[in-house]
Structure formats: C-alpha cells, structure tokens
C-alpha cells in the first residue's frame, strides 16, 4: 500500500510540474520597469557596487572625489545604465568614492545638509553627480549620461588626466540581460 501511495504521489508531482504548477520561470528584462533584484549584479555582472563602500558624508569628510549615482532597481533606464556604473568602478576605483544610491529612502524627507545625498537628487533616475575633493558639484546630469562625459568630469575632480584624445566608449550587449562598456 505504501509503495502504491508513493507511486501516485510521484506521478502527481510530475504531472504538477508538467502543468507549470511548480516553480515559475524567471523573467528578468533589461527594458521593463519590473523588479528583478540587484541591477548591478544582474545587468552589469558586478554585485560589488551595492551597498556602496562609503557614504557621501564620509567621502566629503575624507576630502575624496565622489560620484553619486541615483537609481531604482525597478527602472528600465537604471538597468540599462548599470554597465556604465560598473565601468566607472573599473576605471576610477582607487581614485574616487563611487556611491550608487537607490532613491526610495530619499523621497519625502528633509535635506540635512551638504553631505546629505537627498540635497542633490532631483527626482529623476538615473542621475549622476560628481563632487570634487572639496565637496563642490562639478557635474550633475540625468538620464543615460555617456561614460565619456562622466570620465571627463572625474578627471577634472581628481586631477588625473584622461588618455590623450580622451576616451571613446560604447555599451555593447553580450546577451539578452548583460551589457558592458567597451573603451577604445
């Protein structure tokens, strides 16, 4: 009797899985406003970006140049911009504080001073703000900002010259989920 019940249970489980009653298929999409998880791990192959290793307040206290990226995990434009943020880390890792910040905690709260990221967020994602070592904003742009424009600002903030002729970068997809920034 136990053997018959076991066989029936296995048959029902197989039938349930065949009908799609088991775990559903994951549908991550670079172009949708759906929540897919950590966009940097999924779309840029770089989960080390979040949480950021430092805060804006700490970067300002240490007089280090900082790049703050405002984003949302469930925003298509932020997902598509993730590769640019990963490339910034690759290029400038030791010379800047790269601070990707999800904007949900910044909404509807008071600004607490110059080291508060809420002061600089303008309500649109993605947004990139580059600070020099004195805490002065030298670049503040929204949308799909080119990595080359950001690099020029970071060069100004750090005093580190870009290669002669600047950089020429493009974002290239290597599958339906991931892309990378290629510098030439």
N, C-alpha and C. Protein backbone atom coordinates (compact mmCIF):
# COMPACT_ATOMS: atom_id res chain seq x y z
N UNK A 1 0.82 -1.19 0.00
CA UNK A 1 0.00 0.00 0.00
C UNK A 1 0.86 1.26 0.00
N UNK A 2 1.93 1.28 0.82
CA UNK A 2 2.83 2.43 0.87
C UNK A 2 3.49 2.66 -0.48
N UNK A 3 3.86 1.56 -1.15
CA UNK A 3 4.51 1.68 -2.45
C UNK A 3 3.55 2.29 -3.47
N UNK A 4 2.28 1.89 -3.43
CA UNK A 4 1.28 2.42 -4.35
C UNK A 4 1.06 3.91 -4.10
N UNK A 5 0.98 4.32 -2.82
CA UNK A 5 0.80 5.73 -2.48
C UNK A 5 2.02 6.54 -2.92
N UNK A 6 3.22 5.99 -2.76
CA UNK A 6 4.43 6.68 -3.19
C UNK A 6 4.44 6.89 -4.69
N UNK A 7 4.02 5.86 -5.44
CA UNK A 7 3.98 5.98 -6.90
C UNK A 7 2.95 7.01 -7.34
N UNK A 8 1.81 7.05 -6.68
CA UNK A 8 0.77 8.02 -7.02
C UNK A 8 1.27 9.44 -6.70
N UNK A 9 1.94 9.59 -5.57
CA UNK A 9 2.47 10.90 -5.19
C UNK A 9 3.51 11.38 -6.20
N UNK A 10 4.41 10.51 -6.62
CA UNK A 10 5.42 10.86 -7.63
C UNK A 10 4.74 11.23 -8.94
N UNK A 11 3.73 10.48 -9.33
CA UNK A 11 3.00 10.77 -10.57
C UNK A 11 2.31 12.12 -10.49
N UNK A 12 1.70 12.43 -9.36
CA UNK A 12 1.04 13.73 -9.19
C UNK A 12 2.05 14.88 -9.21
N UNK A 13 3.19 14.67 -8.60
CA UNK A 13 4.23 15.71 -8.61
C UNK A 13 4.73 15.95 -10.03
N UNK A 14 4.95 14.89 -10.78
CA UNK A 14 5.42 15.04 -12.16
C UNK A 14 4.36 15.73 -13.01
N UNK A 15 3.10 15.36 -12.79
CA UNK A 15 2.02 15.99 -13.54
C UNK A 15 1.92 17.47 -13.18
N UNK A 16 2.05 17.81 -11.88
CA UNK A 16 2.01 19.21 -11.44
C UNK A 16 3.13 20.03 -12.05
N UNK A 17 4.34 19.48 -12.09
CA UNK A 17 5.47 20.20 -12.69
C UNK A 17 5.26 20.36 -14.18
N UNK A 18 4.72 19.36 -14.82
CA UNK A 18 4.47 19.43 -16.26
C UNK A 18 3.43 20.48 -16.62
N UNK A 19 2.50 20.73 -15.71
CA UNK A 19 1.46 21.73 -15.96
C UNK A 19 1.87 23.12 -15.53
N UNK A 20 3.08 23.25 -15.04
CA UNK A 20 3.54 24.58 -14.63
C UNK A 20 3.14 24.95 -13.22
N UNK A 21 2.77 23.96 -12.42
CA UNK A 21 2.39 24.25 -11.04
C UNK A 21 3.60 24.36 -10.12
N UNK A 22 4.75 24.01 -10.63
CA UNK A 22 5.98 24.11 -9.83
C UNK A 22 6.51 25.52 -9.89
N UNK A 23 7.79 25.67 -9.65
CA UNK A 23 8.42 27.00 -9.68
C UNK A 23 8.31 27.60 -11.07
N UNK A 24 7.93 28.84 -11.15
CA UNK A 24 7.77 29.52 -12.43
C UNK A 24 9.11 29.93 -13.03
N UNK A 25 9.08 30.21 -14.29
CA UNK A 25 10.28 30.65 -14.98
C UNK A 25 10.58 32.10 -14.61
N UNK A 26 11.83 32.41 -14.43
CA UNK A 26 12.24 33.77 -14.09
C UNK A 26 12.25 34.60 -15.37
N UNK A 27 11.68 35.79 -15.32
CA UNK A 27 11.58 36.64 -16.50
C UNK A 27 12.20 38.00 -16.23
N UNK A 28 13.51 38.05 -16.13
CA UNK A 28 14.20 39.34 -15.96
C UNK A 28 14.21 40.05 -17.31
N UNK A 29 14.09 41.36 -17.27
CA UNK A 29 14.06 42.12 -18.51
C UNK A 29 14.77 43.46 -18.34
N UNK A 30 15.75 43.68 -19.17
CA UNK A 30 16.53 44.91 -19.16
C UNK A 30 15.69 46.12 -19.55
N UNK A 31 14.61 45.91 -20.28
CA UNK A 31 13.83 47.02 -20.82
C UNK A 31 12.48 47.22 -20.13
N UNK A 32 12.24 46.52 -19.01
CA UNK A 32 10.96 46.69 -18.32
C UNK A 32 11.17 47.38 -16.98
N UNK A 33 10.10 47.94 -16.47
CA UNK A 33 10.13 48.58 -15.15
C UNK A 33 9.70 47.57 -14.08
N UNK A 34 10.21 46.36 -14.18
CA UNK A 34 9.90 45.32 -13.20
C UNK A 34 11.08 45.15 -12.27
N UNK A 35 10.79 44.70 -11.06
CA UNK A 35 11.86 44.45 -10.09
C UNK A 35 12.47 43.08 -10.39
N UNK A 36 13.77 43.06 -10.64
CA UNK A 36 14.47 41.82 -10.96
C UNK A 36 15.55 41.50 -9.94
N UNK A 37 15.74 42.35 -8.94
CA UNK A 37 16.81 42.15 -7.96
C UNK A 37 17.88 43.21 -8.13
N UNK A 38 19.09 42.91 -7.68
CA UNK A 38 20.22 43.84 -7.77
C UNK A 38 20.59 44.06 -9.23
N UNK A 39 20.32 45.25 -9.74
CA UNK A 39 20.55 45.51 -11.17
C UNK A 39 22.03 45.45 -11.52
N UNK A 40 22.91 45.75 -10.58
CA UNK A 40 24.34 45.73 -10.88
C UNK A 40 24.85 44.31 -11.01
N UNK A 41 24.35 43.41 -10.18
CA UNK A 41 24.74 42.00 -10.30
C UNK A 41 24.15 41.39 -11.55
N UNK A 42 22.89 41.68 -11.83
CA UNK A 42 22.19 41.04 -12.94
C UNK A 42 22.55 41.61 -14.30
N UNK A 43 22.58 42.92 -14.43
CA UNK A 43 22.76 43.53 -15.74
C UNK A 43 24.17 44.02 -16.04
N UNK A 44 25.01 44.16 -15.03
CA UNK A 44 26.38 44.59 -15.27
C UNK A 44 27.40 43.56 -14.79
N UNK A 45 26.91 42.48 -14.21
CA UNK A 45 27.81 41.44 -13.71
C UNK A 45 28.70 41.92 -12.58
N UNK A 46 28.22 42.89 -11.78
CA UNK A 46 29.06 43.49 -10.75
C UNK A 46 28.24 43.78 -9.49
N UNK A 47 28.01 42.78 -8.70
CA UNK A 47 27.25 42.95 -7.48
C UNK A 47 28.00 43.68 -6.38
N UNK A 48 29.29 43.95 -6.59
CA UNK A 48 30.08 44.62 -5.54
C UNK A 48 29.77 46.11 -5.42
N UNK A 49 28.98 46.64 -6.32
CA UNK A 49 28.68 48.08 -6.27
C UNK A 49 27.72 48.46 -5.16
N UNK A 50 26.87 47.54 -4.74
CA UNK A 50 25.92 47.85 -3.68
C UNK A 50 26.02 46.82 -2.57
N UNK A 51 25.98 47.23 -1.36
CA UNK A 51 25.93 48.61 -0.92
C UNK A 51 27.26 49.31 -1.18
N UNK A 52 27.24 50.64 -1.32
CA UNK A 52 28.49 51.36 -1.56
C UNK A 52 29.43 51.22 -0.37
N UNK A 53 30.72 51.26 -0.64
CA UNK A 53 31.71 51.08 0.43
C UNK A 53 31.84 52.31 1.32
N UNK A 54 31.32 53.45 0.87
CA UNK A 54 31.42 54.68 1.65
C UNK A 54 30.16 55.51 1.42
N UNK A 55 29.95 56.47 2.29
CA UNK A 55 28.83 57.40 2.14
C UNK A 55 29.34 58.72 1.59
N UNK A 56 28.43 59.55 1.14
CA UNK A 56 28.81 60.88 0.68
C UNK A 56 29.40 61.69 1.83
N UNK A 57 28.83 61.57 3.02
CA UNK A 57 29.35 62.29 4.18
C UNK A 57 30.80 61.88 4.48
N UNK A 58 31.08 60.59 4.40
CA UNK A 58 32.44 60.11 4.67
C UNK A 58 33.41 60.57 3.59
N UNK A 59 32.99 60.51 2.32
CA UNK A 59 33.85 60.98 1.22
C UNK A 59 34.18 62.45 1.39
N UNK A 60 33.18 63.25 1.77
CA UNK A 60 33.43 64.68 1.97
C UNK A 60 34.34 64.91 3.17
N UNK A 61 34.15 64.17 4.24
CA UNK A 61 35.00 64.32 5.43
C UNK A 61 36.45 63.93 5.11
N UNK A 62 36.62 62.93 4.25
CA UNK A 62 37.96 62.49 3.85
C UNK A 62 38.54 63.30 2.69
N UNK A 63 37.78 64.25 2.20
CA UNK A 63 38.16 65.08 1.04
C UNK A 63 38.54 64.22 -0.16
N UNK A 64 37.66 63.27 -0.46
CA UNK A 64 37.85 62.41 -1.62
C UNK A 64 36.80 62.76 -2.68
N UNK A 65 37.19 62.80 -3.95
CA UNK A 65 36.20 62.99 -5.00
C UNK A 65 35.17 61.85 -4.95
N UNK A 66 33.94 62.18 -5.27
CA UNK A 66 32.87 61.18 -5.20
C UNK A 66 31.97 61.29 -6.43
N UNK A 67 31.44 60.15 -6.82
CA UNK A 67 30.44 60.09 -7.88
C UNK A 67 29.22 59.40 -7.28
N UNK A 68 28.12 60.12 -7.20
CA UNK A 68 26.88 59.56 -6.68
C UNK A 68 25.98 59.24 -7.87
N UNK A 69 25.49 58.01 -7.89
CA UNK A 69 24.57 57.55 -8.93
C UNK A 69 23.24 57.29 -8.25
N UNK A 70 22.21 57.99 -8.65
CA UNK A 70 20.87 57.76 -8.13
C UNK A 70 20.16 56.82 -9.09
N UNK A 71 19.54 55.76 -8.54
CA UNK A 71 18.90 54.76 -9.39
C UNK A 71 17.75 54.08 -8.66
N UNK A 72 17.01 53.28 -9.40
CA UNK A 72 15.98 52.40 -8.85
C UNK A 72 16.16 51.02 -9.46
N UNK A 73 16.01 49.99 -8.65
CA UNK A 73 16.16 48.62 -9.15
C UNK A 73 15.05 48.23 -10.12
N UNK A 74 13.90 48.90 -10.06
CA UNK A 74 12.79 48.54 -10.93
C UNK A 74 12.56 49.57 -12.04
N UNK A 75 13.63 50.19 -12.50
CA UNK A 75 13.55 51.20 -13.55
C UNK A 75 14.40 50.77 -14.75
N UNK A 76 13.78 50.72 -15.92
CA UNK A 76 14.48 50.25 -17.12
C UNK A 76 15.69 51.11 -17.45
N UNK A 77 15.58 52.42 -17.30
CA UNK A 77 16.71 53.30 -17.61
C UNK A 77 17.87 53.04 -16.65
N UNK A 78 17.58 52.79 -15.37
CA UNK A 78 18.63 52.47 -14.40
C UNK A 78 19.28 51.14 -14.74
N UNK A 79 18.48 50.16 -15.15
CA UNK A 79 19.02 48.85 -15.53
C UNK A 79 19.99 49.00 -16.69
N UNK A 80 19.60 49.77 -17.70
CA UNK A 80 20.44 49.95 -18.88
C UNK A 80 21.70 50.76 -18.56
N UNK A 81 21.65 51.57 -17.52
CA UNK A 81 22.78 52.40 -17.12
C UNK A 81 23.76 51.65 -16.21
N UNK A 82 23.38 50.50 -15.71
CA UNK A 82 24.20 49.74 -14.76
C UNK A 82 25.59 49.44 -15.30
N UNK A 83 25.71 49.14 -16.58
CA UNK A 83 27.03 48.84 -17.16
C UNK A 83 27.95 50.05 -17.11
N UNK A 84 27.41 51.24 -17.26
CA UNK A 84 28.21 52.47 -17.19
C UNK A 84 28.78 52.62 -15.78
N UNK A 85 27.95 52.37 -14.77
CA UNK A 85 28.41 52.49 -13.38
C UNK A 85 29.51 51.46 -13.10
N UNK A 86 29.35 50.27 -13.60
CA UNK A 86 30.38 49.25 -13.43
C UNK A 86 31.69 49.66 -14.10
N UNK A 87 31.60 50.28 -15.25
CA UNK A 87 32.80 50.75 -15.95
C UNK A 87 33.48 51.87 -15.17
N UNK A 88 32.71 52.74 -14.55
CA UNK A 88 33.30 53.79 -13.71
C UNK A 88 34.10 53.18 -12.57
N UNK A 89 33.57 52.12 -11.98
CA UNK A 89 34.32 51.46 -10.91
C UNK A 89 35.62 50.88 -11.46
N UNK A 90 35.56 50.26 -12.62
CA UNK A 90 36.76 49.66 -13.21
C UNK A 90 37.83 50.72 -13.48
N UNK A 91 37.42 51.86 -14.01
CA UNK A 91 38.36 52.90 -14.40
C UNK A 91 38.90 53.72 -13.22
N UNK A 92 38.06 54.02 -12.24
CA UNK A 92 38.41 55.01 -11.22
C UNK A 92 38.42 54.45 -9.81
N UNK A 93 38.36 53.16 -9.62
CA UNK A 93 38.15 52.52 -8.33
C UNK A 93 38.98 53.10 -7.19
N UNK A 94 40.25 53.28 -7.37
CA UNK A 94 41.12 53.74 -6.28
C UNK A 94 41.13 55.26 -6.12
N UNK A 95 40.57 55.98 -7.06
CA UNK A 95 40.69 57.43 -7.06
C UNK A 95 39.43 58.19 -6.66
N UNK A 96 38.30 57.49 -6.57
CA UNK A 96 37.04 58.14 -6.22
C UNK A 96 36.25 57.25 -5.28
N UNK A 97 35.26 57.84 -4.67
CA UNK A 97 34.24 57.06 -3.98
C UNK A 97 33.05 56.97 -4.93
N UNK A 98 32.72 55.78 -5.34
CA UNK A 98 31.57 55.54 -6.21
C UNK A 98 30.41 55.12 -5.32
N UNK A 99 29.34 55.91 -5.35
CA UNK A 99 28.25 55.74 -4.40
C UNK A 99 26.91 55.58 -5.13
N UNK A 100 26.56 54.37 -5.55
CA UNK A 100 25.24 54.15 -6.12
C UNK A 100 24.19 54.15 -5.01
N UNK A 101 23.16 54.96 -5.15
CA UNK A 101 22.12 55.07 -4.13
C UNK A 101 20.74 54.86 -4.73
N UNK A 102 20.00 53.93 -4.16
CA UNK A 102 18.61 53.76 -4.54
C UNK A 102 17.84 54.95 -3.96
N UNK A 103 16.91 55.48 -4.71
CA UNK A 103 16.28 56.74 -4.32
C UNK A 103 15.07 56.60 -3.40
N UNK A 104 14.55 55.40 -3.22
CA UNK A 104 13.37 55.24 -2.36
C UNK A 104 13.54 55.87 -0.98
N UNK A 105 14.68 55.66 -0.28
CA UNK A 105 14.82 56.27 1.05
C UNK A 105 14.98 57.80 1.03
N UNK A 106 15.24 58.37 -0.14
CA UNK A 106 15.45 59.81 -0.23
C UNK A 106 14.15 60.58 -0.43
N UNK A 107 13.10 59.88 -0.80
CA UNK A 107 11.85 60.55 -1.12
C UNK A 107 11.15 61.06 0.14
N UNK A 108 10.60 62.24 0.02
CA UNK A 108 9.77 62.85 1.08
C UNK A 108 10.48 62.95 2.42
N UNK A 109 11.74 63.32 2.40
CA UNK A 109 12.43 63.56 3.67
C UNK A 109 13.21 64.85 3.55
N UNK A 110 13.45 65.44 4.68
CA UNK A 110 14.14 66.73 4.71
C UNK A 110 15.63 66.58 4.40
N UNK A 111 16.17 67.58 3.77
CA UNK A 111 17.60 67.68 3.49
C UNK A 111 18.30 68.05 4.80
N UNK A 112 19.35 67.30 5.15
CA UNK A 112 20.02 67.56 6.42
C UNK A 112 21.36 68.25 6.27
N UNK A 113 21.69 68.73 5.08
CA UNK A 113 22.94 69.47 4.91
C UNK A 113 23.71 69.07 3.67
N UNK A 114 24.87 69.68 3.44
CA UNK A 114 25.63 69.47 2.21
C UNK A 114 26.14 68.05 2.00
N UNK A 115 26.24 67.26 3.06
CA UNK A 115 26.71 65.89 2.88
C UNK A 115 25.56 64.89 2.75
N UNK A 116 24.34 65.40 2.68
CA UNK A 116 23.16 64.56 2.54
C UNK A 116 22.85 64.35 1.06
N UNK A 117 22.83 63.11 0.58
CA UNK A 117 22.54 62.87 -0.83
C UNK A 117 21.16 63.35 -1.27
N UNK A 118 20.22 63.46 -0.35
CA UNK A 118 18.88 63.93 -0.70
C UNK A 118 18.91 65.36 -1.24
N UNK A 119 19.91 66.15 -0.82
CA UNK A 119 20.04 67.53 -1.28
C UNK A 119 20.24 67.61 -2.79
N UNK A 120 20.91 66.64 -3.38
CA UNK A 120 21.33 66.72 -4.79
C UNK A 120 20.41 65.94 -5.73
N UNK A 121 19.59 65.06 -5.20
CA UNK A 121 18.70 64.28 -6.06
C UNK A 121 17.56 65.13 -6.55
N UNK A 122 17.32 65.10 -7.88
CA UNK A 122 16.31 65.97 -8.49
C UNK A 122 15.05 65.22 -8.91
N UNK A 123 14.89 63.97 -8.50
CA UNK A 123 13.64 63.25 -8.75
C UNK A 123 13.60 62.41 -10.00
N UNK A 124 14.68 62.32 -10.75
CA UNK A 124 14.72 61.52 -11.97
C UNK A 124 15.89 60.55 -11.88
N UNK A 125 15.66 59.32 -12.33
CA UNK A 125 16.74 58.32 -12.35
C UNK A 125 16.97 57.85 -13.78
N UNK A 126 18.18 57.46 -14.10
CA UNK A 126 19.37 57.64 -13.30
C UNK A 126 19.83 59.11 -13.32
N UNK A 127 20.57 59.45 -12.30
CA UNK A 127 21.18 60.77 -12.19
C UNK A 127 22.61 60.57 -11.69
N UNK A 128 23.54 61.33 -12.25
CA UNK A 128 24.95 61.24 -11.88
C UNK A 128 25.40 62.60 -11.36
N UNK A 129 25.98 62.60 -10.16
CA UNK A 129 26.53 63.83 -9.58
C UNK A 129 27.98 63.56 -9.22
N UNK A 130 28.89 64.38 -9.76
CA UNK A 130 30.32 64.25 -9.47
C UNK A 130 30.73 65.40 -8.56
N UNK A 131 31.40 65.04 -7.46
CA UNK A 131 31.89 66.02 -6.48
C UNK A 131 33.42 66.02 -6.52
N UNK A 132 34.02 67.20 -6.40
CA UNK A 132 35.48 67.25 -6.28
C UNK A 132 35.87 66.99 -4.83
N UNK A 133 37.13 67.05 -4.52
CA UNK A 133 37.61 66.73 -3.18
C UNK A 133 37.17 67.75 -2.13
N UNK A 134 36.72 68.91 -2.57
CA UNK A 134 36.23 69.93 -1.64
C UNK A 134 34.71 69.86 -1.46
N UNK A 135 34.06 68.89 -2.09
CA UNK A 135 32.62 68.73 -1.97
C UNK A 135 31.81 69.58 -2.91
N UNK A 136 32.47 70.21 -3.88
CA UNK A 136 31.79 71.06 -4.86
C UNK A 136 31.26 70.18 -6.00
N UNK A 137 30.01 70.41 -6.39
CA UNK A 137 29.42 69.69 -7.51
C UNK A 137 30.02 70.22 -8.81
N UNK A 138 30.61 69.33 -9.60
CA UNK A 138 31.18 69.76 -10.88
C UNK A 138 30.47 69.13 -12.07
N UNK A 139 29.55 68.20 -11.79
CA UNK A 139 28.79 67.56 -12.86
C UNK A 139 27.49 67.06 -12.25
N UNK A 140 26.37 67.34 -12.91
CA UNK A 140 25.07 66.89 -12.43
C UNK A 140 24.16 66.71 -13.64
N UNK A 141 23.99 65.47 -14.05
CA UNK A 141 23.17 65.18 -15.23
C UNK A 141 22.23 64.03 -14.96
N UNK A 142 21.10 64.04 -15.65
CA UNK A 142 20.09 62.99 -15.53
C UNK A 142 20.02 62.19 -16.82
N UNK A 143 19.55 60.96 -16.70
CA UNK A 143 19.33 60.12 -17.87
C UNK A 143 20.56 59.30 -18.23
N UNK A 144 20.58 58.84 -19.46
CA UNK A 144 21.65 57.98 -19.95
C UNK A 144 22.88 58.81 -20.31
N UNK A 145 23.57 59.25 -19.28
CA UNK A 145 24.76 60.08 -19.46
C UNK A 145 25.88 59.20 -20.02
N UNK A 146 26.63 59.72 -20.96
CA UNK A 146 27.72 58.92 -21.53
C UNK A 146 28.85 58.77 -20.53
N UNK A 147 29.48 57.62 -20.54
CA UNK A 147 30.60 57.37 -19.64
C UNK A 147 31.74 58.33 -19.95
N UNK A 148 31.87 58.76 -21.19
CA UNK A 148 32.93 59.69 -21.56
C UNK A 148 32.73 61.05 -20.90
N UNK A 149 31.48 61.53 -20.83
CA UNK A 149 31.20 62.81 -20.16
C UNK A 149 31.49 62.69 -18.66
N UNK A 150 31.14 61.56 -18.07
CA UNK A 150 31.41 61.35 -16.65
C UNK A 150 32.92 61.26 -16.43
N UNK A 151 33.62 60.54 -17.30
CA UNK A 151 35.07 60.41 -17.17
C UNK A 151 35.77 61.77 -17.22
N UNK A 152 35.30 62.64 -18.11
CA UNK A 152 35.89 63.98 -18.20
C UNK A 152 35.70 64.74 -16.89
N UNK A 153 34.52 64.60 -16.28
CA UNK A 153 34.26 65.27 -15.00
C UNK A 153 35.08 64.67 -13.88
N UNK A 154 35.20 63.36 -13.86
CA UNK A 154 36.00 62.70 -12.82
C UNK A 154 37.47 63.08 -12.98
N UNK A 155 37.93 63.20 -14.21
CA UNK A 155 39.30 63.64 -14.45
C UNK A 155 39.53 65.03 -13.86
N UNK A 156 38.56 65.90 -14.07
CA UNK A 156 38.63 67.25 -13.51
C UNK A 156 38.61 67.20 -11.98
N UNK A 157 37.76 66.35 -11.40
CA UNK A 157 37.63 66.26 -9.95
C UNK A 157 38.87 65.67 -9.29
N UNK A 158 39.53 64.74 -9.96
CA UNK A 158 40.68 64.06 -9.37
C UNK A 158 42.01 64.69 -9.74
N UNK A 159 42.02 65.44 -10.86
CA UNK A 159 43.28 65.97 -11.36
C UNK A 159 44.08 64.94 -12.14
N UNK A 160 43.47 63.80 -12.42
CA UNK A 160 44.13 62.74 -13.19
C UNK A 160 43.74 62.92 -14.65
N UNK A 161 44.73 63.10 -15.50
CA UNK A 161 44.46 63.35 -16.91
C UNK A 161 43.91 62.10 -17.60
N UNK A 162 42.97 62.33 -18.50
CA UNK A 162 42.49 61.25 -19.35
C UNK A 162 43.56 60.94 -20.39
N UNK A 163 43.51 59.77 -21.00
CA UNK A 163 44.46 59.49 -22.07
C UNK A 163 44.37 60.55 -23.16
N UNK A 164 45.47 60.80 -23.83
CA UNK A 164 45.48 61.80 -24.90
C UNK A 164 44.37 61.49 -25.90
N UNK A 165 43.58 62.49 -26.22
CA UNK A 165 42.46 62.30 -27.12
C UNK A 165 41.19 61.88 -26.40
N UNK A 166 41.25 61.77 -25.06
CA UNK A 166 40.06 61.40 -24.28
C UNK A 166 39.76 59.92 -24.41
N UNK A 167 38.52 59.57 -24.12
CA UNK A 167 38.08 58.18 -24.25
C UNK A 167 36.92 58.13 -25.21
N UNK A 168 36.79 57.01 -25.84
CA UNK A 168 35.65 56.75 -26.70
C UNK A 168 35.08 55.40 -26.28
N UNK A 169 33.95 55.43 -25.64
CA UNK A 169 33.36 54.22 -25.10
C UNK A 169 31.99 53.99 -25.71
N UNK A 170 31.60 52.73 -25.74
CA UNK A 170 30.25 52.37 -26.18
C UNK A 170 29.78 51.19 -25.34
N UNK A 171 28.46 51.10 -25.20
CA UNK A 171 27.87 49.98 -24.46
C UNK A 171 27.48 48.91 -25.46
N UNK A 172 27.92 47.69 -25.19
CA UNK A 172 27.63 46.57 -26.07
C UNK A 172 27.00 45.46 -25.26
N UNK A 173 25.92 44.89 -25.78
CA UNK A 173 25.26 43.76 -25.13
C UNK A 173 25.95 42.48 -25.56
N UNK A 174 26.12 41.55 -24.59
CA UNK A 174 26.67 40.26 -24.98
C UNK A 174 25.70 39.13 -24.72
N UNK A 175 24.52 39.42 -24.20
CA UNK A 175 23.38 38.51 -24.18
C UNK A 175 22.15 39.35 -23.89
N UNK A 176 21.00 38.70 -23.70
CA UNK A 176 19.77 39.47 -23.54
C UNK A 176 19.67 40.20 -22.21
N UNK A 177 20.54 39.88 -21.25
CA UNK A 177 20.48 40.53 -19.95
C UNK A 177 21.67 41.44 -19.68
N UNK A 178 22.86 41.05 -20.10
CA UNK A 178 24.06 41.76 -19.70
C UNK A 178 24.64 42.59 -20.83
N UNK A 179 25.26 43.69 -20.41
CA UNK A 179 25.99 44.53 -21.35
C UNK A 179 27.24 45.01 -20.65
N UNK A 180 28.17 45.53 -21.42
CA UNK A 180 29.37 46.09 -20.85
C UNK A 180 29.75 47.32 -21.62
N UNK A 181 30.51 48.19 -20.98
CA UNK A 181 31.03 49.37 -21.65
C UNK A 181 32.41 49.03 -22.15
N UNK A 182 32.63 49.29 -23.42
CA UNK A 182 33.92 49.00 -24.05
C UNK A 182 34.60 50.31 -24.37
N UNK A 183 35.80 50.49 -23.83
CA UNK A 183 36.58 51.70 -24.09
C UNK A 183 37.54 51.44 -25.22
N UNK A 184 37.66 52.41 -26.12
CA UNK A 184 38.55 52.26 -27.27
C UNK A 184 39.61 53.31 -27.23
